[in-house]
Amino acid sequence: MKTNISIPIWILLILPLILSAVFLPVDAGKRNEESDNKKSIEICCSWGEQLEDGKLTYRINGGDTNIREVVRNAVSQWDMKIDGLSLEEVKGESSSADITIGFKKDGKQLPGERSKHGLMTAGLTSFELSWRNVIDEVHIILAKGVRGNEFSPSQIEMVAQHEMGHALGLGHSNSWSSIMSPTINNQQSVAISECEINAVLQANAWKLMDSVSSPHSFRGNSISC
């Protein structure tokens, strides 16, 4: 029996661009009190048998040449940094892939739309979990804009990079500087840090750290950095 989990990411329509995702409820006041010494990242899920060969495949459905290249750049940032993991693109909509990435013209077309405080859905990551509670498939949908306003390539890449972090098993970070922060300012650095890298390794430790043949989910809710 499979379980479906969906994680939307929201965009707040003010400048500079703020992105907000909702893997877990966030209290802004509480987070302002967090120290960098207590930086942590939530772990959502672990990959199953698909990761046995150290490879995950992804397919990009739709989008023009430019936006597809932007998404590839976002994926490659993770691919270059995670030892023992290879993210490989497969071509053609009929080809099967572990991670499928598609697009909607406007965030209004995505589930989870919220108008309160100006929040609109900018992206959505959905998991299919097996009966063993490990990931079978991931589906990512990226909005090209919201309310008729198109996102810039750098904004789309930021959302795609965040969503790929979810696809690799991560939840959210309590640090504003993390690409996995529930709110992301487009003027901050979005480089993937050692904390995010370690979180992916821990989430999928059965393969990427322990090199065992039997997949198992991460034992815990988060890691500290």
Protein backbone atom coordinates (compact mmCIF):
# COMPACT_ATOMS: atom_id res chain seq x y z
CA MET A 1 0.00 0.00 0.00
CA LYS A 2 1.42 3.39 -1.03
CA THR A 3 1.17 6.67 0.85
CA ASN A 4 1.11 10.09 -0.84
CA ILE A 5 2.69 13.18 0.75
CA SER A 6 2.67 16.65 -0.83
CA ILE A 7 4.82 19.63 0.15
CA PRO A 8 3.94 23.03 -1.38
CA ILE A 9 6.32 25.96 -1.49
CA TRP A 10 4.77 29.44 -1.37
CA ILE A 11 5.87 32.77 -2.77
CA LEU A 12 5.09 36.01 -0.96
CA LEU A 13 4.35 38.77 -3.46
CA ILE A 14 6.67 41.44 -2.13
CA LEU A 15 10.20 42.51 -3.09
CA PRO A 16 12.76 41.20 -2.48
CA LEU A 17 11.29 37.84 -3.43
CA ILE A 18 10.38 35.65 -0.48
CA LEU A 19 9.63 31.96 -0.91
CA SER A 20 7.87 30.02 1.79
CA ALA A 21 7.30 26.28 2.01
CA VAL A 22 5.18 24.42 4.52
CA PHE A 23 6.72 21.08 5.38
CA LEU A 24 6.23 21.95 9.05
CA PRO A 25 4.56 24.94 10.74
CA VAL A 26 6.98 27.80 11.32
CA ASP A 27 6.90 30.43 14.04
CA ALA A 28 8.87 33.43 12.73
CA GLY A 29 9.39 34.88 16.18
CA LYS A 30 10.77 31.64 17.47
CA ARG A 31 13.06 31.24 14.48
CA ASN A 32 14.50 34.72 14.98
CA GLU A 33 15.74 33.51 18.33
CA GLU A 34 17.53 30.51 16.82
CA SER A 35 21.29 30.53 17.02
CA ASP A 36 23.50 29.40 14.15
CA ASN A 37 24.96 26.94 16.65
CA LYS A 38 21.60 25.18 16.71
CA LYS A 39 21.15 24.91 12.95
CA SER A 40 19.17 21.84 11.99
CA ILE A 41 17.38 20.33 9.00
CA GLU A 42 14.25 18.21 9.08
CA ILE A 43 14.43 14.79 7.43
CA CYS A 44 11.31 13.89 5.51
CA CYS A 45 11.94 10.60 3.82
CA SER A 46 14.48 8.08 2.56
CA TRP A 47 14.75 6.59 -0.92
CA GLY A 48 14.12 2.89 -1.41
CA GLU A 49 15.38 0.31 -3.92
CA GLN A 50 15.64 2.90 -6.70
CA LEU A 51 18.82 4.15 -5.03
CA GLU A 52 20.43 0.71 -4.83
CA ASP A 53 22.76 1.46 -7.76
CA GLY A 54 23.58 4.93 -6.40
CA LYS A 55 21.60 6.58 -9.20
CA LEU A 56 18.32 8.46 -9.35
CA THR A 57 16.81 9.48 -12.68
CA TYR A 58 14.81 12.60 -13.42
CA ARG A 59 12.70 13.74 -16.35
CA ILE A 60 11.65 17.29 -17.24
CA ASN A 61 8.21 17.50 -18.84
CA GLY A 62 7.35 20.60 -20.84
CA GLY A 63 8.92 24.03 -20.57
CA ASP A 64 10.99 25.84 -23.17
CA THR A 65 14.73 25.38 -23.72
CA ASN A 66 15.69 28.13 -21.28
CA ILE A 67 13.56 27.00 -18.35
CA ARG A 68 14.63 23.39 -18.83
CA GLU A 69 18.27 24.46 -18.66
CA VAL A 70 17.56 26.43 -15.48
CA VAL A 71 16.12 23.29 -13.87
CA ARG A 72 19.10 21.22 -15.02
CA ASN A 73 21.40 23.74 -13.35
CA ALA A 74 19.47 23.37 -10.10
CA VAL A 75 19.69 19.59 -10.24
CA SER A 76 23.40 19.65 -11.11
CA GLN A 77 24.17 21.64 -7.96
CA TRP A 78 23.01 18.67 -5.90
CA ASP A 79 24.55 16.12 -8.26
CA MET A 80 28.02 17.63 -7.94
CA LYS A 81 27.98 17.74 -4.15
CA ILE A 82 26.58 14.38 -2.98
CA ASP A 83 29.19 11.61 -3.01
CA GLY A 84 27.83 8.25 -4.06
CA LEU A 85 24.75 9.77 -5.71
CA SER A 86 24.28 10.36 -9.43
CA LEU A 87 21.30 12.31 -10.78
CA GLU A 88 20.78 11.43 -14.43
CA GLU A 89 18.27 12.94 -16.84
CA VAL A 90 16.13 10.74 -19.04
CA LYS A 91 14.49 12.20 -22.14
CA GLY A 92 10.96 11.76 -23.40
CA GLU A 93 7.66 11.95 -21.57
CA SER A 94 7.10 8.22 -22.03
CA SER A 95 10.38 7.35 -20.28
CA SER A 96 10.10 6.29 -16.67
CA ALA A 97 12.01 8.29 -14.06
CA ASP A 98 12.34 8.35 -10.31
CA ILE A 99 11.79 12.13 -10.18
CA THR A 100 9.43 13.88 -12.58
CA ILE A 101 9.55 17.67 -12.95
CA GLY A 102 6.76 19.58 -14.68
CA PHE A 103 5.44 23.14 -14.92
CA LYS A 104 2.29 25.19 -14.53
CA LYS A 105 1.91 28.66 -16.01
CA ASP A 106 0.69 30.18 -12.74
CA GLY A 107 0.74 29.22 -9.09
CA LYS A 108 -3.04 29.55 -9.07
CA GLN A 109 -3.12 26.24 -10.98
CA LEU A 110 -1.35 24.37 -8.18
CA PRO A 111 -2.98 22.75 -5.15
CA GLY A 112 -2.40 24.46 -1.84
CA GLU A 113 -2.90 28.04 -3.05
CA ARG A 114 -3.07 30.57 -0.21
CA SER A 115 -3.99 34.21 -0.59
CA LYS A 116 -3.54 35.08 3.10
CA HIS A 117 -0.64 37.50 3.59
CA GLY A 118 -0.02 37.48 -0.17
CA LEU A 119 1.18 33.87 -0.29
CA MET A 120 0.77 31.95 -3.54
CA THR A 121 1.99 28.47 -4.41
CA ALA A 122 5.26 28.56 -6.39
CA GLY A 123 6.06 24.86 -6.41
CA LEU A 124 4.83 21.51 -5.14
CA THR A 125 6.70 18.29 -4.36
CA SER A 126 4.71 15.08 -3.94
CA PHE A 127 6.05 11.74 -2.72
CA GLU A 128 4.77 8.23 -3.22
CA LEU A 129 5.93 6.14 -0.27
CA SER A 130 5.92 2.36 -0.27
CA TRP A 131 4.54 0.20 2.52
CA ARG A 132 8.08 0.26 3.95
CA ASN A 133 7.77 4.04 4.28
CA VAL A 134 10.54 4.73 1.77
CA ILE A 135 10.27 6.80 -1.42
CA ASP A 136 9.10 5.10 -4.61
CA GLU A 137 8.55 8.20 -6.77
CA VAL A 138 8.71 11.98 -6.55
CA HIS A 139 6.72 14.49 -8.61
CA ILE A 140 7.70 18.17 -8.68
CA ILE A 141 5.59 20.93 -10.23
CA LEU A 142 7.10 24.39 -10.65
CA ALA A 143 5.04 27.50 -11.33
CA LYS A 144 6.41 29.83 -14.01
CA GLY A 145 4.89 32.79 -12.17
CA VAL A 146 2.01 33.90 -9.99
CA ARG A 147 -0.95 36.18 -10.73
CA GLY A 148 0.33 36.84 -14.23
CA ASN A 149 3.81 37.87 -13.07
CA GLU A 150 6.53 35.65 -14.53
CA PHE A 151 9.42 34.48 -12.39
CA SER A 152 12.96 35.29 -13.48
CA PRO A 153 15.32 32.40 -14.33
CA SER A 154 17.16 32.90 -11.01
CA GLN A 155 13.87 32.73 -9.09
CA ILE A 156 12.82 29.52 -10.86
CA GLU A 157 16.24 28.01 -10.21
CA MET A 158 15.93 28.89 -6.51
CA VAL A 159 12.56 27.15 -6.26
CA ALA A 160 13.81 24.16 -8.26
CA GLN A 161 16.87 23.79 -6.05
CA HIS A 162 14.71 23.90 -2.91
CA GLU A 163 12.28 21.34 -4.34
CA MET A 164 15.14 19.00 -5.35
CA GLY A 165 16.26 19.11 -1.73
CA HIS A 166 12.82 17.82 -0.78
CA ALA A 167 13.07 15.18 -3.54
CA LEU A 168 16.30 13.90 -1.97
CA GLY A 169 14.58 13.44 1.38
CA LEU A 170 14.93 16.78 3.15
CA GLY A 171 12.36 18.79 5.03
CA HIS A 172 13.10 22.34 6.18
CA SER A 173 15.96 24.06 7.94
CA ASN A 174 15.66 26.47 10.87
CA SER A 175 18.41 28.66 9.38
CA TRP A 176 17.54 31.63 7.16
CA SER A 177 20.74 31.08 5.15
CA SER A 178 19.83 27.53 4.10
CA ILE A 179 18.40 26.72 0.68
CA MET A 180 15.98 24.52 2.65
CA SER A 181 14.71 27.40 4.77
CA PRO A 182 10.90 27.73 4.61
CA THR A 183 11.47 31.36 3.57
CA ILE A 184 14.16 32.27 1.05
CA ASN A 185 15.23 35.79 0.12
CA ASN A 186 16.50 36.11 -3.45
CA GLN A 187 19.33 38.38 -2.28
CA GLN A 188 20.85 35.74 0.00
CA SER A 189 23.30 33.04 -0.96
CA VAL A 190 21.57 29.87 -2.13
CA ALA A 191 24.68 27.71 -2.29
CA ILE A 192 24.18 24.20 -0.95
CA SER A 193 26.08 23.97 2.33
CA GLU A 194 27.75 21.08 4.13
CA CYS A 195 24.68 20.95 6.36
CA GLU A 196 22.34 20.19 3.44
CA ILE A 197 24.83 17.70 1.98
CA ASN A 198 25.12 15.86 5.28
CA ALA A 199 21.35 15.84 5.66
CA VAL A 200 20.92 14.07 2.30
CA LEU A 201 23.61 11.55 3.28
CA GLN A 202 21.89 10.92 6.61
CA ALA A 203 18.44 10.67 5.03
CA ASN A 204 19.70 7.95 2.69
CA ALA A 205 22.39 6.55 4.96
CA TRP A 206 21.56 2.91 4.16
CA LYS A 207 23.10 3.44 0.70
CA LEU A 208 25.21 6.60 0.84
CA MET A 209 26.92 5.94 4.18
CA ASP A 210 26.39 2.34 5.32
CA SER A 211 26.38 0.67 1.87
CA VAL A 212 23.87 -1.98 2.89
CA SER A 213 21.47 -3.67 0.49
CA SER A 214 18.26 -3.30 2.50
CA PRO A 215 16.66 0.18 2.37
CA HIS A 216 15.36 1.66 5.58
CA SER A 217 13.98 5.05 6.54
CA PHE A 218 15.89 7.61 8.58
CA ARG A 219 15.60 7.00 12.31
CA GLY A 220 14.73 10.41 13.66
CA ASN A 221 13.14 13.70 12.61
CA SER A 222 16.10 16.00 11.96
CA ILE A 223 19.86 16.41 12.09
CA SER A 224 21.89 19.14 13.76
CA CYS A 225 24.68 20.88 11.86
